[in-house]
Amino acid sequence: MAASVVDTYERLLEAWNRRDADAFAALFAEDGSSVGFDGSQMNGRGEIGSELRAIFASHPGQGEIIPEVNAVQSMLVVDEDDQPRIALLQSTPAAFHGRPHLAAALTEELTAVLRTGRVVERV
């Protein structure tokens, strides 16, 4: 199951990078939920897709990392109809209060990802 979880997360990031709200939402369980960086909640595959379409339409893509909006994500995957589906995606601001070296390290890592085009570091 671990490989399928990583594959699911990789497909999620790829859909996000393509700004493909439908592909992003399709990875969720029918009753899955996503909690955004700003605390906003999207519940259910339909709402996730429609909200992301609106977000993508009103926010142009960026070509560089903006450290102030870095986030750490947690994802819970369940088996739904013999397919891994996201039950919960949680994005938390990566503020690292009082630990600027951690914020800098995350920005450096994300910048390297942006440069190389890789989405997930496979270990």
PDB file of N, CA and C in Angstrom:
ATOM      1  N   MET A   1       0.828  -1.206   0.000  1.00  0.00           N
ATOM      2  CA  MET A   1       0.000   0.000   0.000  1.00  0.00           C
ATOM      3  C   MET A   1       0.862   1.256   0.000  1.00  0.00           C
ATOM      4  N   ALA A   2       2.071   1.191   0.589  1.00  0.00           N
ATOM      5  CA  ALA A   2       2.922   2.383   0.680  1.00  0.00           C
ATOM      6  C   ALA A   2       3.244   2.953  -0.695  1.00  0.00           C
ATOM      7  N   ALA A   3       3.554   2.089  -1.663  1.00  0.00           N
ATOM      8  CA  ALA A   3       3.871   2.572  -3.009  1.00  0.00           C
ATOM      9  C   ALA A   3       2.660   3.254  -3.631  1.00  0.00           C
ATOM     10  N   SER A   4       1.462   2.695  -3.410  1.00  0.00           N
ATOM     11  CA  SER A   4       0.272   3.308  -4.000  1.00  0.00           C
ATOM     12  C   SER A   4      -0.048   4.650  -3.340  1.00  0.00           C
ATOM     13  N   VAL A   5       0.293   4.812  -2.065  1.00  0.00           N
ATOM     14  CA  VAL A   5       0.100   6.099  -1.396  1.00  0.00           C
ATOM     15  C   VAL A   5       1.027   7.145  -2.013  1.00  0.00           C
ATOM     16  N   VAL A   6       2.281   6.784  -2.221  1.00  0.00           N
ATOM     17  CA  VAL A   6       3.231   7.718  -2.845  1.00  0.00           C
ATOM     18  C   VAL A   6       2.779   8.047  -4.263  1.00  0.00           C
ATOM     19  N   ASP A   7       2.328   7.043  -5.011  1.00  0.00           N
ATOM     20  CA  ASP A   7       1.826   7.280  -6.368  1.00  0.00           C
ATOM     21  C   ASP A   7       0.632   8.229  -6.349  1.00  0.00           C
ATOM     22  N   THR A   8      -0.257   8.039  -5.396  1.00  0.00           N
ATOM     23  CA  THR A   8      -1.436   8.900  -5.284  1.00  0.00           C
ATOM     24  C   THR A   8      -1.016  10.332  -4.993  1.00  0.00           C
ATOM     25  N   TYR A   9      -0.077  10.511  -4.081  1.00  0.00           N
ATOM     26  CA  TYR A   9       0.391  11.861  -3.753  1.00  0.00           C
ATOM     27  C   TYR A   9       1.082  12.495  -4.960  1.00  0.00           C
ATOM     28  N   GLU A  10       1.875  11.714  -5.675  1.00  0.00           N
ATOM     29  CA  GLU A  10       2.552  12.230  -6.859  1.00  0.00           C
ATOM     30  C   GLU A  10       1.522  12.680  -7.905  1.00  0.00           C
ATOM     31  N   ARG A  11       0.490  11.879  -8.119  1.00  0.00           N
ATOM     32  CA  ARG A  11      -0.554  12.260  -9.079  1.00  0.00           C
ATOM     33  C   ARG A  11      -1.298  13.512  -8.608  1.00  0.00           C
ATOM     34  N   LEU A  12      -1.484  13.645  -7.293  1.00  0.00           N
ATOM     35  CA  LEU A  12      -2.124  14.838  -6.739  1.00  0.00           C
ATOM     36  C   LEU A  12      -1.298  16.086  -7.056  1.00  0.00           C
ATOM     37  N   LEU A  13       0.008  16.004  -6.801  1.00  0.00           N
ATOM     38  CA  LEU A  13       0.880  17.149  -7.073  1.00  0.00           C
ATOM     39  C   LEU A  13       0.947  17.469  -8.561  1.00  0.00           C
ATOM     40  N   GLU A  14       0.976  16.443  -9.383  1.00  0.00           N
ATOM     41  CA  GLU A  14       1.006  16.661 -10.832  1.00  0.00           C
ATOM     42  C   GLU A  14      -0.280  17.344 -11.307  1.00  0.00           C
ATOM     43  N   ALA A  15      -1.426  16.917 -10.775  1.00  0.00           N
ATOM     44  CA  ALA A  15      -2.698  17.547 -11.134  1.00  0.00           C
ATOM     45  C   ALA A  15      -2.703  19.006 -10.687  1.00  0.00           C
ATOM     46  N   TRP A  16      -2.192  19.267  -9.490  1.00  0.00           N
ATOM     47  CA  TRP A  16      -2.104  20.648  -8.992  1.00  0.00           C
ATOM     48  C   TRP A  16      -1.218  21.480  -9.914  1.00  0.00           C
ATOM     49  N   ASN A  17      -0.062  20.963 -10.256  1.00  0.00           N
ATOM     50  CA  ASN A  17       0.874  21.708 -11.107  1.00  0.00           C
ATOM     51  C   ASN A  17       0.298  21.970 -12.493  1.00  0.00           C
ATOM     52  N   ARG A  18      -0.548  21.068 -12.998  1.00  0.00           N
ATOM     53  CA  ARG A  18      -1.212  21.271 -14.296  1.00  0.00           C
ATOM     54  C   ARG A  18      -2.440  22.166 -14.155  1.00  0.00           C
ATOM     55  N   ARG A  19      -2.808  22.452 -12.901  1.00  0.00           N
ATOM     56  CA  ARG A  19      -4.000  23.238 -12.598  1.00  0.00           C
ATOM     57  C   ARG A  19      -5.249  22.523 -13.127  1.00  0.00           C
ATOM     58  N   ASP A  20      -5.266  21.200 -12.923  1.00  0.00           N
ATOM     59  CA  ASP A  20      -6.343  20.339 -13.385  1.00  0.00           C
ATOM     60  C   ASP A  20      -7.212  19.962 -12.189  1.00  0.00           C
ATOM     61  N   ALA A  21      -8.221  20.774 -11.934  1.00  0.00           N
ATOM     62  CA  ALA A  21      -9.076  20.590 -10.759  1.00  0.00           C
ATOM     63  C   ALA A  21      -9.811  19.253 -10.788  1.00  0.00           C
ATOM     64  N   ASP A  22     -10.227  18.819 -11.971  1.00  0.00           N
ATOM     65  CA  ASP A  22     -10.974  17.566 -12.055  1.00  0.00           C
ATOM     66  C   ASP A  22     -10.094  16.367 -11.731  1.00  0.00           C
ATOM     67  N   ALA A  23      -8.866  16.347 -12.256  1.00  0.00           N
ATOM     68  CA  ALA A  23      -7.943  15.246 -11.961  1.00  0.00           C
ATOM     69  C   ALA A  23      -7.572  15.243 -10.478  1.00  0.00           C
ATOM     70  N   PHE A  24      -7.397  16.426  -9.902  1.00  0.00           N
ATOM     71  CA  PHE A  24      -7.084  16.563  -8.480  1.00  0.00           C
ATOM     72  C   PHE A  24      -8.227  15.968  -7.650  1.00  0.00           C
ATOM     73  N   ALA A  25      -9.453  16.393  -7.936  1.00  0.00           N
ATOM     74  CA  ALA A  25     -10.613  15.950  -7.165  1.00  0.00           C
ATOM     75  C   ALA A  25     -10.869  14.454  -7.335  1.00  0.00           C
ATOM     76  N   ALA A  26     -10.574  13.917  -8.506  1.00  0.00           N
ATOM     77  CA  ALA A  26     -10.830  12.500  -8.772  1.00  0.00           C
ATOM     78  C   ALA A  26     -10.003  11.579  -7.880  1.00  0.00           C
ATOM     79  N   LEU A  27      -8.926  12.083  -7.302  1.00  0.00           N
ATOM     80  CA  LEU A  27      -8.079  11.272  -6.427  1.00  0.00           C
ATOM     81  C   LEU A  27      -8.660  11.124  -5.023  1.00  0.00           C
ATOM     82  N   PHE A  28      -9.694  11.894  -4.710  1.00  0.00           N
ATOM     83  CA  PHE A  28     -10.301  11.867  -3.379  1.00  0.00           C
ATOM     84  C   PHE A  28     -11.402  10.814  -3.294  1.00  0.00           C
ATOM     85  N   ALA A  29     -11.607  10.317  -2.088  1.00  0.00           N
ATOM     86  CA  ALA A  29     -12.777   9.491  -1.818  1.00  0.00           C
ATOM     87  C   ALA A  29     -14.013  10.349  -2.069  1.00  0.00           C
ATOM     88  N   GLU A  30     -15.119   9.701  -2.356  1.00  0.00           N
ATOM     89  CA  GLU A  30     -16.351  10.444  -2.640  1.00  0.00           C
ATOM     90  C   GLU A  30     -16.655  11.452  -1.531  1.00  0.00           C
ATOM     91  N   ASP A  31     -16.408  11.067  -0.282  1.00  0.00           N
ATOM     92  CA  ASP A  31     -16.674  11.960   0.857  1.00  0.00           C
ATOM     93  C   ASP A  31     -15.381  12.514   1.453  1.00  0.00           C
ATOM     94  N   GLY A  32     -14.305  12.557   0.648  1.00  0.00           N
ATOM     95  CA  GLY A  32     -13.014  13.061   1.125  1.00  0.00           C
ATOM     96  C   GLY A  32     -13.062  14.547   1.435  1.00  0.00           C
ATOM     97  N   SER A  33     -12.065  14.989   2.189  1.00  0.00           N
ATOM     98  CA  SER A  33     -11.988  16.396   2.594  1.00  0.00           C
ATOM     99  C   SER A  33     -10.585  16.927   2.388  1.00  0.00           C
ATOM    100  N   SER A  34     -10.536  18.241   2.123  1.00  0.00           N
ATOM    101  CA  SER A  34      -9.265  18.934   2.006  1.00  0.00           C
ATOM    102  C   SER A  34      -9.329  20.195   2.848  1.00  0.00           C
ATOM    103  N   VAL A  35      -8.298  20.406   3.651  1.00  0.00           N
ATOM    104  CA  VAL A  35      -8.191  21.623   4.449  1.00  0.00           C
ATOM    105  C   VAL A  35      -7.038  22.416   3.859  1.00  0.00           C
ATOM    106  N   GLY A  36      -7.356  23.593   3.350  1.00  0.00           N
ATOM    107  CA  GLY A  36      -6.373  24.414   2.665  1.00  0.00           C
ATOM    108  C   GLY A  36      -5.429  25.135   3.604  1.00  0.00           C
ATOM    109  N   PHE A  37      -4.421  25.718   3.009  1.00  0.00           N
ATOM    110  CA  PHE A  37      -3.400  26.490   3.707  1.00  0.00           C
ATOM    111  C   PHE A  37      -4.013  27.576   4.588  1.00  0.00           C
ATOM    112  N   ASP A  38      -5.117  28.146   4.107  1.00  0.00           N
ATOM    113  CA  ASP A  38      -5.761  29.251   4.828  1.00  0.00           C
ATOM    114  C   ASP A  38      -6.837  28.776   5.800  1.00  0.00           C
ATOM    115  N   GLY A  39      -6.973  27.455   5.945  1.00  0.00           N
ATOM    116  CA  GLY A  39      -7.964  26.905   6.853  1.00  0.00           C
ATOM    117  C   GLY A  39      -9.299  26.611   6.193  1.00  0.00           C
ATOM    118  N   SER A  40      -9.440  26.957   4.925  1.00  0.00           N
ATOM    119  CA  SER A  40     -10.693  26.685   4.234  1.00  0.00           C
ATOM    120  C   SER A  40     -10.880  25.181   4.064  1.00  0.00           C
ATOM    121  N   GLN A  41     -12.130  24.758   4.111  1.00  0.00           N
ATOM    122  CA  GLN A  41     -12.442  23.331   3.996  1.00  0.00           C
ATOM    123  C   GLN A  41     -13.242  23.073   2.740  1.00  0.00           C
ATOM    124  N   MET A  42     -12.896  21.977   2.085  1.00  0.00           N
ATOM    125  CA  MET A  42     -13.644  21.502   0.925  1.00  0.00           C
ATOM    126  C   MET A  42     -14.020  20.058   1.234  1.00  0.00           C
ATOM    127  N   ASN A  43     -15.307  19.765   1.164  1.00  0.00           N
ATOM    128  CA  ASN A  43     -15.795  18.438   1.531  1.00  0.00           C
ATOM    129  C   ASN A  43     -16.500  17.783   0.355  1.00  0.00           C
ATOM    130  N   GLY A  44     -16.039  16.594   0.025  1.00  0.00           N
ATOM    131  CA  GLY A  44     -16.614  15.844  -1.077  1.00  0.00           C
ATOM    132  C   GLY A  44     -15.911  16.141  -2.387  1.00  0.00           C
ATOM    133  N   ARG A  45     -15.844  15.122  -3.206  1.00  0.00           N
ATOM    134  CA  ARG A  45     -15.140  15.216  -4.490  1.00  0.00           C
ATOM    135  C   ARG A  45     -15.683  16.363  -5.346  1.00  0.00           C
ATOM    136  N   GLY A  46     -17.010  16.524  -5.389  1.00  0.00           N
ATOM    137  CA  GLY A  46     -17.617  17.577  -6.209  1.00  0.00           C
ATOM    138  C   GLY A  46     -17.218  18.969  -5.760  1.00  0.00           C
ATOM    139  N   GLU A  47     -17.282  19.212  -4.446  1.00  0.00           N
ATOM    140  CA  GLU A  47     -16.921  20.529  -3.933  1.00  0.00           C
ATOM    141  C   GLU A  47     -15.437  20.819  -4.127  1.00  0.00           C
ATOM    142  N   ILE A  48     -14.603  19.807  -3.936  1.00  0.00           N
ATOM    143  CA  ILE A  48     -13.160  19.989  -4.130  1.00  0.00           C
ATOM    144  C   ILE A  48     -12.894  20.425  -5.569  1.00  0.00           C
ATOM    145  N   GLY A  49     -13.498  19.743  -6.532  1.00  0.00           N
ATOM    146  CA  GLY A  49     -13.304  20.097  -7.931  1.00  0.00           C
ATOM    147  C   GLY A  49     -13.802  21.495  -8.258  1.00  0.00           C
ATOM    148  N   SER A  50     -15.001  21.835  -7.813  1.00  0.00           N
ATOM    149  CA  SER A  50     -15.557  23.151  -8.158  1.00  0.00           C
ATOM    150  C   SER A  50     -14.802  24.291  -7.489  1.00  0.00           C
ATOM    151  N   GLU A  51     -14.413  24.102  -6.235  1.00  0.00           N
ATOM    152  CA  GLU A  51     -13.646  25.144  -5.544  1.00  0.00           C
ATOM    153  C   GLU A  51     -12.275  25.350  -6.195  1.00  0.00           C
ATOM    154  N   LEU A  52     -11.623  24.245  -6.566  1.00  0.00           N
ATOM    155  CA  LEU A  52     -10.311  24.384  -7.201  1.00  0.00           C
ATOM    156  C   LEU A  52     -10.405  25.022  -8.579  1.00  0.00           C
ATOM    157  N   ARG A  53     -11.467  24.725  -9.330  1.00  0.00           N
ATOM    158  CA  ARG A  53     -11.641  25.395 -10.628  1.00  0.00           C
ATOM    159  C   ARG A  53     -11.703  26.900 -10.426  1.00  0.00           C
ATOM    160  N   ALA A  54     -12.436  27.338  -9.407  1.00  0.00           N
ATOM    161  CA  ALA A  54     -12.542  28.776  -9.124  1.00  0.00           C
ATOM    162  C   ALA A  54     -11.198  29.347  -8.676  1.00  0.00           C
ATOM    163  N   ILE A  55     -10.479  28.608  -7.836  1.00  0.00           N
ATOM    164  CA  ILE A  55      -9.163  29.075  -7.369  1.00  0.00           C
ATOM    165  C   ILE A  55      -8.197  29.188  -8.538  1.00  0.00           C
ATOM    166  N   PHE A  56      -8.127  28.156  -9.376  1.00  0.00           N
ATOM    167  CA  PHE A  56      -7.207  28.182 -10.506  1.00  0.00           C
ATOM    168  C   PHE A  56      -7.555  29.302 -11.483  1.00  0.00           C
ATOM    169  N   ALA A  57      -8.834  29.599 -11.653  1.00  0.00           N
ATOM    170  CA  ALA A  57      -9.254  30.655 -12.580  1.00  0.00           C
ATOM    171  C   ALA A  57      -8.873  32.042 -12.076  1.00  0.00           C
ATOM    172  N   SER A  58      -8.763  32.205 -10.754  1.00  0.00           N
ATOM    173  CA  SER A  58      -8.513  33.549 -10.213  1.00  0.00           C
ATOM    174  C   SER A  58      -7.085  33.759  -9.703  1.00  0.00           C
ATOM    175  N   HIS A  59      -6.245  32.729  -9.758  1.00  0.00           N
ATOM    176  CA  HIS A  59      -4.869  32.851  -9.276  1.00  0.00           C
ATOM    177  C   HIS A  59      -3.900  32.387 -10.365  1.00  0.00           C
ATOM    178  N   PRO A  60      -3.183  33.318 -10.995  1.00  0.00           N
ATOM    179  CA  PRO A  60      -2.207  32.882 -12.015  1.00  0.00           C
ATOM    180  C   PRO A  60      -1.103  32.037 -11.393  1.00  0.00           C
ATOM    181  N   GLY A  61      -0.590  31.126 -12.171  1.00  0.00           N
ATOM    182  CA  GLY A  61       0.520  30.289 -11.708  1.00  0.00           C
ATOM    183  C   GLY A  61       1.767  31.122 -11.473  1.00  0.00           C
ATOM    184  N   GLN A  62       2.609  30.668 -10.578  1.00  0.00           N
ATOM    185  CA  GLN A  62       3.846  31.370 -10.245  1.00  0.00           C
ATOM    186  C   GLN A  62       5.035  30.568 -10.753  1.00  0.00           C
ATOM    187  N   GLY A  63       6.081  31.250 -11.122  1.00  0.00           N
ATOM    188  CA  GLY A  63       7.280  30.586 -11.597  1.00  0.00           C
ATOM    189  C   GLY A  63       8.372  30.493 -10.550  1.00  0.00           C
ATOM    190  N   GLU A  64       8.087  30.968  -9.350  1.00  0.00           N
ATOM    191  CA  GLU A  64       9.091  30.898  -8.292  1.00  0.00           C
ATOM    192  C   GLU A  64       8.427  30.620  -6.951  1.00  0.00           C
ATOM    193  N   ILE A  65       9.237  30.148  -6.029  1.00  0.00           N
ATOM    194  CA  ILE A  65       8.756  29.811  -4.686  1.00  0.00           C
ATOM    195  C   ILE A  65       8.560  31.091  -3.881  1.00  0.00           C
ATOM    196  N   ILE A  66       7.441  31.184  -3.178  1.00  0.00           N
ATOM    197  CA  ILE A  66       7.165  32.303  -2.273  1.00  0.00           C
ATOM    198  C   ILE A  66       7.209  31.733  -0.860  1.00  0.00           C
ATOM    199  N   PRO A  67       8.313  31.923  -0.134  1.00  0.00           N
ATOM    200  CA  PRO A  67       8.493  31.285   1.176  1.00  0.00           C
ATOM    201  C   PRO A  67       7.365  31.555   2.169  1.00  0.00           C
ATOM    202  N   GLU A  68       6.717  32.701   2.070  1.00  0.00           N
ATOM    203  CA  GLU A  68       5.659  33.039   3.014  1.00  0.00           C
ATOM    204  C   GLU A  68       4.448  32.116   2.914  1.00  0.00           C
ATOM    205  N   VAL A  69       4.330  31.401   1.810  1.00  0.00           N
ATOM    206  CA  VAL A  69       3.176  30.502   1.659  1.00  0.00           C
ATOM    207  C   VAL A  69       3.593  29.028   1.575  1.00  0.00           C
ATOM    208  N   ASN A  70       4.814  28.715   1.991  1.00  0.00           N
ATOM    209  CA  ASN A  70       5.224  27.314   2.063  1.00  0.00           C
ATOM    210  C   ASN A  70       4.303  26.578   3.031  1.00  0.00           C
ATOM    211  N   ALA A  71       4.065  25.312   2.744  1.00  0.00           N
ATOM    212  CA  ALA A  71       3.190  24.514   3.585  1.00  0.00           C
ATOM    213  C   ALA A  71       3.743  23.100   3.722  1.00  0.00           C
ATOM    214  N   VAL A  72       3.304  22.439   4.762  1.00  0.00           N
ATOM    215  CA  VAL A  72       3.577  21.021   4.984  1.00  0.00           C
ATOM    216  C   VAL A  72       2.234  20.319   4.852  1.00  0.00           C
ATOM    217  N   GLN A  73       2.220  19.182   4.157  1.00  0.00           N
ATOM    218  CA  GLN A  73       0.967  18.484   3.939  1.00  0.00           C
ATOM    219  C   GLN A  73       0.955  17.122   4.620  1.00  0.00           C
ATOM    220  N   SER A  74      -0.226  16.750   5.072  1.00  0.00           N
ATOM    221  CA  SER A  74      -0.487  15.404   5.591  1.00  0.00           C
ATOM    222  C   SER A  74      -1.638  14.839   4.776  1.00  0.00           C
ATOM    223  N   MET A  75      -1.562  13.536   4.499  1.00  0.00           N
ATOM    224  CA  MET A  75      -2.581  12.922   3.659  1.00  0.00           C
ATOM    225  C   MET A  75      -2.950  11.557   4.238  1.00  0.00           C
ATOM    226  N   LEU A  76      -4.238  11.310   4.316  1.00  0.00           N
ATOM    227  CA  LEU A  76      -4.760  10.020   4.755  1.00  0.00           C
ATOM    228  C   LEU A  76      -5.408   9.357   3.549  1.00  0.00           C
ATOM    229  N   VAL A  77      -4.958   8.142   3.233  1.00  0.00           N
ATOM    230  CA  VAL A  77      -5.458   7.419   2.068  1.00  0.00           C
ATOM    231  C   VAL A  77      -6.217   6.183   2.535  1.00  0.00           C
ATOM    232  N   VAL A  78      -7.355   5.936   1.889  1.00  0.00           N
ATOM    233  CA  VAL A  78      -8.168   4.758   2.177  1.00  0.00           C
ATOM    234  C   VAL A  78      -8.347   3.955   0.891  1.00  0.00           C
ATOM    235  N   ASP A  79      -8.784   2.717   1.054  1.00  0.00           N
ATOM    236  CA  ASP A  79      -9.088   1.863  -0.089  1.00  0.00           C
ATOM    237  C   ASP A  79     -10.568   2.027  -0.390  1.00  0.00           C
ATOM    238  N   GLU A  80     -10.879   2.544  -1.578  1.00  0.00           N
ATOM    239  CA  GLU A  80     -12.269   2.718  -1.991  1.00  0.00           C
ATOM    240  C   GLU A  80     -12.436   2.047  -3.348  1.00  0.00           C
ATOM    241  N   ASP A  81     -13.242   1.018  -3.404  1.00  0.00           N
ATOM    242  CA  ASP A  81     -13.451   0.262  -4.648  1.00  0.00           C
ATOM    243  C   ASP A  81     -12.126  -0.238  -5.223  1.00  0.00           C
ATOM    244  N   ASP A  82     -11.283  -0.778  -4.336  1.00  0.00           N
ATOM    245  CA  ASP A  82      -9.972  -1.324  -4.709  1.00  0.00           C
ATOM    246  C   ASP A  82      -9.027  -0.284  -5.307  1.00  0.00           C
ATOM    247  N   GLN A  83      -9.256   0.987  -5.012  1.00  0.00           N
ATOM    248  CA  GLN A  83      -8.381   2.072  -5.459  1.00  0.00           C
ATOM    249  C   GLN A  83      -7.976   2.908  -4.252  1.00  0.00           C
ATOM    250  N   PRO A  84      -6.710   3.344  -4.210  1.00  0.00           N
ATOM    251  CA  PRO A  84      -6.346   4.264  -3.140  1.00  0.00           C
ATOM    252  C   PRO A  84      -7.005   5.617  -3.401  1.00  0.00           C
ATOM    253  N   ARG A  85      -7.691   6.124  -2.407  1.00  0.00           N
ATOM    254  CA  ARG A  85      -8.363   7.425  -2.517  1.00  0.00           C
ATOM    255  C   ARG A  85      -8.004   8.260  -1.298  1.00  0.00           C
ATOM    256  N   ILE A  86      -7.909   9.547  -1.490  1.00  0.00           N
ATOM    257  CA  ILE A  86      -7.563  10.462  -0.402  1.00  0.00           C
ATOM    258  C   ILE A  86      -8.816  10.725   0.429  1.00  0.00           C
ATOM    259  N   ALA A  87      -8.724  10.399   1.713  1.00  0.00           N
ATOM    260  CA  ALA A  87      -9.824  10.682   2.641  1.00  0.00           C
ATOM    261  C   ALA A  87      -9.657  12.078   3.230  1.00  0.00           C
ATOM    262  N   LEU A  88      -8.391  12.487   3.440  1.00  0.00           N
ATOM    263  CA  LEU A  88      -8.122  13.794   4.032  1.00  0.00           C
ATOM    264  C   LEU A  88      -6.778  14.311   3.557  1.00  0.00           C
ATOM    265  N   LEU A  89      -6.770  15.544   3.097  1.00  0.00           N
ATOM    266  CA  LEU A  89      -5.536  16.264   2.764  1.00  0.00           C
ATOM    267  C   LEU A  89      -5.517  17.518   3.622  1.00  0.00           C
ATOM    268  N   GLN A  90      -4.467  17.678   4.398  1.00  0.00           N
ATOM    269  CA  GLN A  90      -4.321  18.819   5.308  1.00  0.00           C
ATOM    270  C   GLN A  90      -3.067  19.588   4.926  1.00  0.00           C
ATOM    271  N   SER A  91      -3.223  20.866   4.609  1.00  0.00           N
ATOM    272  CA  SER A  91      -2.079  21.738   4.314  1.00  0.00           C
ATOM    273  C   SER A  91      -1.914  22.722   5.465  1.00  0.00           C
ATOM    274  N   THR A  92      -0.742  22.721   6.061  1.00  0.00           N
ATOM    275  CA  THR A  92      -0.470  23.564   7.219  1.00  0.00           C
ATOM    276  C   THR A  92       0.637  24.556   6.875  1.00  0.00           C
ATOM    277  N   PRO A  93       0.433  25.838   7.164  1.00  0.00           N
ATOM    278  CA  PRO A  93       1.503  26.798   6.896  1.00  0.00           C
ATOM    279  C   PRO A  93       2.808  26.383   7.576  1.00  0.00           C
ATOM    280  N   ALA A  94       3.895  26.463   6.832  1.00  0.00           N
ATOM    281  CA  ALA A  94       5.210  26.082   7.359  1.00  0.00           C
ATOM    282  C   ALA A  94       5.910  27.326   7.889  1.00  0.00           C
ATOM    283  N   ALA A  95       5.393  27.872   8.979  1.00  0.00           N
ATOM    284  CA  ALA A  95       5.922  29.112   9.533  1.00  0.00           C
ATOM    285  C   ALA A  95       7.236  28.917  10.284  1.00  0.00           C
ATOM    286  N   PHE A  96       7.390  27.775  10.943  1.00  0.00           N
ATOM    287  CA  PHE A  96       8.604  27.468  11.706  1.00  0.00           C
ATOM    288  C   PHE A  96       9.003  28.639  12.608  1.00  0.00           C
ATOM    289  N   HIS A  97       8.056  29.150  13.372  1.00  0.00           N
ATOM    290  CA  HIS A  97       8.296  30.304  14.246  1.00  0.00           C
ATOM    291  C   HIS A  97       9.564  30.130  15.077  1.00  0.00           C
ATOM    292  N   GLY A  98      10.430  31.114  15.002  1.00  0.00           N
ATOM    293  CA  GLY A  98      11.672  31.107  15.784  1.00  0.00           C
ATOM    294  C   GLY A  98      12.736  30.167  15.250  1.00  0.00           C
ATOM    295  N   ARG A  99      12.487  29.524  14.114  1.00  0.00           N
ATOM    296  CA  ARG A  99      13.459  28.585  13.533  1.00  0.00           C
ATOM    297  C   ARG A  99      13.651  28.883  12.042  1.00  0.00           C
ATOM    298  N   PRO A 100      14.243  30.040  11.754  1.00  0.00           N
ATOM    299  CA  PRO A 100      14.386  30.454  10.350  1.00  0.00           C
ATOM    300  C   PRO A 100      15.205  29.477   9.511  1.00  0.00           C
ATOM    301  N   HIS A 101      16.101  28.714  10.138  1.00  0.00           N
ATOM    302  CA  HIS A 101      16.902  27.753   9.372  1.00  0.00           C
ATOM    303  C   HIS A 101      16.019  26.648   8.785  1.00  0.00           C
ATOM    304  N   LEU A 102      14.940  26.281   9.477  1.00  0.00           N
ATOM    305  CA  LEU A 102      14.026  25.269   8.948  1.00  0.00           C
ATOM    306  C   LEU A 102      13.214  25.827   7.779  1.00  0.00           C
ATOM    307  N   ALA A 103      12.788  27.083   7.908  1.00  0.00           N
ATOM    308  CA  ALA A 103      12.059  27.728   6.805  1.00  0.00           C
ATOM    309  C   ALA A 103      12.955  27.847   5.579  1.00  0.00           C
ATOM    310  N   ALA A 104      14.205  28.215   5.785  1.00  0.00           N
ATOM    311  CA  ALA A 104      15.151  28.338   4.672  1.00  0.00           C
ATOM    312  C   ALA A 104      15.424  26.981   4.028  1.00  0.00           C
ATOM    313  N   ALA A 105      15.543  25.934   4.842  1.00  0.00           N
ATOM    314  CA  ALA A 105      15.800  24.596   4.309  1.00  0.00           C
ATOM    315  C   ALA A 105      14.622  24.112   3.462  1.00  0.00           C
ATOM    316  N   LEU A 106      13.396  24.366   3.901  1.00  0.00           N
ATOM    317  CA  LEU A 106      12.228  23.964   3.124  1.00  0.00           C
ATOM    318  C   LEU A 106      12.172  24.739   1.814  1.00  0.00           C
ATOM    319  N   THR A 107      12.434  26.024   1.855  1.00  0.00           N
ATOM    320  CA  THR A 107      12.433  26.832   0.633  1.00  0.00           C
ATOM    321  C   THR A 107      13.496  26.330  -0.335  1.00  0.00           C
ATOM    322  N   GLU A 108      14.656  25.974   0.181  1.00  0.00           N
ATOM    323  CA  GLU A 108      15.729  25.432  -0.664  1.00  0.00           C
ATOM    324  C   GLU A 108      15.291  24.111  -1.301  1.00  0.00           C
ATOM    325  N   GLU A 109      14.671  23.251  -0.522  1.00  0.00           N
ATOM    326  CA  GLU A 109      14.201  21.965  -1.048  1.00  0.00           C
ATOM    327  C   GLU A 109      13.143  22.165  -2.130  1.00  0.00           C
ATOM    328  N   LEU A 110      12.185  23.053  -1.884  1.00  0.00           N
ATOM    329  CA  LEU A 110      11.132  23.297  -2.858  1.00  0.00           C
ATOM    330  C   LEU A 110      11.669  23.957  -4.127  1.00  0.00           C
ATOM    331  N   THR A 111      12.658  24.819  -3.976  1.00  0.00           N
ATOM    332  CA  THR A 111      13.287  25.449  -5.142  1.00  0.00           C
ATOM    333  C   THR A 111      13.989  24.407  -6.003  1.00  0.00           C
ATOM    334  N   ALA A 112      14.648  23.439  -5.359  1.00  0.00           N
ATOM    335  CA  ALA A 112      15.297  22.357  -6.096  1.00  0.00           C
ATOM    336  C   ALA A 112      14.262  21.525  -6.844  1.00  0.00           C
ATOM    337  N   VAL A 113      13.123  21.275  -6.225  1.00  0.00           N
ATOM    338  CA  VAL A 113      12.045  20.531  -6.877  1.00  0.00           C
ATOM    339  C   VAL A 113      11.560  21.306  -8.104  1.00  0.00           C
ATOM    340  N   LEU A 114      11.383  22.596  -7.947  1.00  0.00           N
ATOM    341  CA  LEU A 114      10.934  23.434  -9.055  1.00  0.00           C
ATOM    342  C   LEU A 114      11.929  23.393 -10.213  1.00  0.00           C
ATOM    343  N   ARG A 115      13.215  23.452  -9.890  1.00  0.00           N
ATOM    344  CA  ARG A 115      14.262  23.433 -10.932  1.00  0.00           C
ATOM    345  C   ARG A 115      14.322  22.101 -11.660  1.00  0.00           C
ATOM    346  N   THR A 116      14.192  21.000 -10.930  1.00  0.00           N
ATOM    347  CA  THR A 116      14.359  19.678 -11.539  1.00  0.00           C
ATOM    348  C   THR A 116      13.079  19.144 -12.146  1.00  0.00           C
ATOM    349  N   GLY A 117      11.942  19.643 -11.694  1.00  0.00           N
ATOM    350  CA  GLY A 117      10.664  19.162 -12.195  1.00  0.00           C
ATOM    351  C   GLY A 117      10.189  17.889 -11.517  1.00  0.00           C
ATOM    352  N   ARG A 118      10.976  17.349 -10.577  1.00  0.00           N
ATOM    353  CA  ARG A 118      10.525  16.149  -9.881  1.00  0.00           C
ATOM    354  C   ARG A 118       9.447  16.548  -8.883  1.00  0.00           C
ATOM    355  N   VAL A 119       8.533  15.668  -8.644  1.00  0.00           N
ATOM    356  CA  VAL A 119       7.423  16.002  -7.772  1.00  0.00           C
ATOM    357  C   VAL A 119       7.579  15.362  -6.406  1.00  0.00           C
ATOM    358  N   VAL A 120       8.045  14.112  -6.389  1.00  0.00           N
ATOM    359  CA  VAL A 120       8.182  13.370  -5.138  1.00  0.00           C
ATOM    360  C   VAL A 120       9.560  12.723  -5.124  1.00  0.00           C
ATOM    361  N   GLU A 121      10.242  12.857  -4.011  1.00  0.00           N
ATOM    362  CA  GLU A 121      11.523  12.178  -3.816  1.00  0.00           C
ATOM    363  C   GLU A 121      11.235  10.740  -3.448  1.00  0.00           C
ATOM    364  N   ARG A 122      11.597   9.818  -4.305  1.00  0.00           N
ATOM    365  CA  ARG A 122      11.338   8.397  -4.021  1.00  0.00           C
ATOM    366  C   ARG A 122      12.527   7.829  -3.259  1.00  0.00           C
ATOM    367  N   VAL A 123      12.224   7.187  -2.138  1.00  0.00           N
ATOM    368  CA  VAL A 123      13.283   6.586  -1.307  1.00  0.00           C
ATOM    369  C   VAL A 123      13.139   5.097  -1.256  1.00  0.00           C
TER     370      VAL A 123
END
